[in-house]
Amino acid sequence: MADDDKRRSRPERPAGRSPRDAPAGRSQRQDQGERPIWQQRVEMQRDPDREKSPIIPESITPNDVDMVVRVQLKTLTAENAEMVARHLAMVSLLIDQDPELAHKHALSAARRAGRIAVVRETVGVTAYTVGDYPLALRELLAHRRISGSNDQLPLIVDSERGMNRPDRALKMAREADRKSLTPAVRVNLAIATSGARLDLGENELALSELEIPELNPAKVFDYSPPLFRAYSNTLEILGRTQDAKKWADLAQRAEVALAGKPEDVLEIVEEIEIPKFSERPKFDPALKAKPPFEKKPFDNRGTGKSNRGFDGPSRPGRSAPRGR
């Protein structure tokens, strides 16, 4: 009977609950009506001035970006990776029609995944497109450091030009072995370095920068029209009007041909001399023109005029590379 009295004197516990289920200090917190101090210290502070991310249509899904991009995003949580991929998809859709909005989507992706190489690359390309050259340079250098890729080297060089540093642009261009670059990157780099030479008034050297194997009128690729047009404009600066007209006409014909046929390589019948790397065109007195590569003292090179070049960053409609 004594044991029965002891059992009756104990307070009854709720059914199905152990004493260890109740966390320490819970009754205290319920009475106080607020979170403990240690939780209040780690609470995230939100910046009221932070720009909101642009809206993404529901029809845009992560599948709208390349598989290569999605693979890079696998280090993120599933939810975060989905949002970053959708922002990157919006960049691809808007980069030509609305570069400013595309740049906002790129920045939103960077806030979520600032350590992913493709995200840094995208921010750099969109910053370059809207003319923010310091940001473009920073992000593209970060992309190259993370990925080890030189695919965006032309934009890095041209961003230096946009910051009025053509000497640094030429120095950056020499950091990569051009033989290791793809033809398209090599062409874009030649156009950017040629523009840097024009910025310095080294017009003859600007022409020689464009005389690469891809300057071939017999077969044209997607990168051929801007290269032909750059060569034409540089010839015009040098006063070789007749040769400049030929290359401008060739660039226009190449664009028409590329737009009309889906093939990657097209044959164009055109007879035109291409300067070789080992020798320069010989002077023909019958043409009554100056030699195309007349040597001058170094301090007298160029026209002496301020010249940003045929594709200077400050001009709209430039032919410099756009990256991705």
Foldseek 3Di string as FASTA:
>chain_A
DVVVVVVVPDDDDPPPDDPVVDDPCPVVCVVVVDDDPVVVVPDDDDDPPDDDQDDFDPVQWLVLDDPVLLVLLVVDPPVLSTLLSSLQSVLVVPCPPPLVSNLSSLVVSCVSPVQRLVSLQSNLLSCLSVLVLVSNLVSVVSSCVNPVDCQCLLSNLQSCLSVVNLVVSVVSLVPDDLVPDDPLSLQLNLLSNLLSCVQVQQLLVSLVSLQDPQQDLQKHFPNNLLSLQQNLQSCVQLVVNVVSVLSNVSSVVRVVVVVVDVDGIDGDDDDDDRADPVDGDDDDVVVVDDGSNDDDPPVPHGDPDRDSGPARSVDPPGSRDSGD
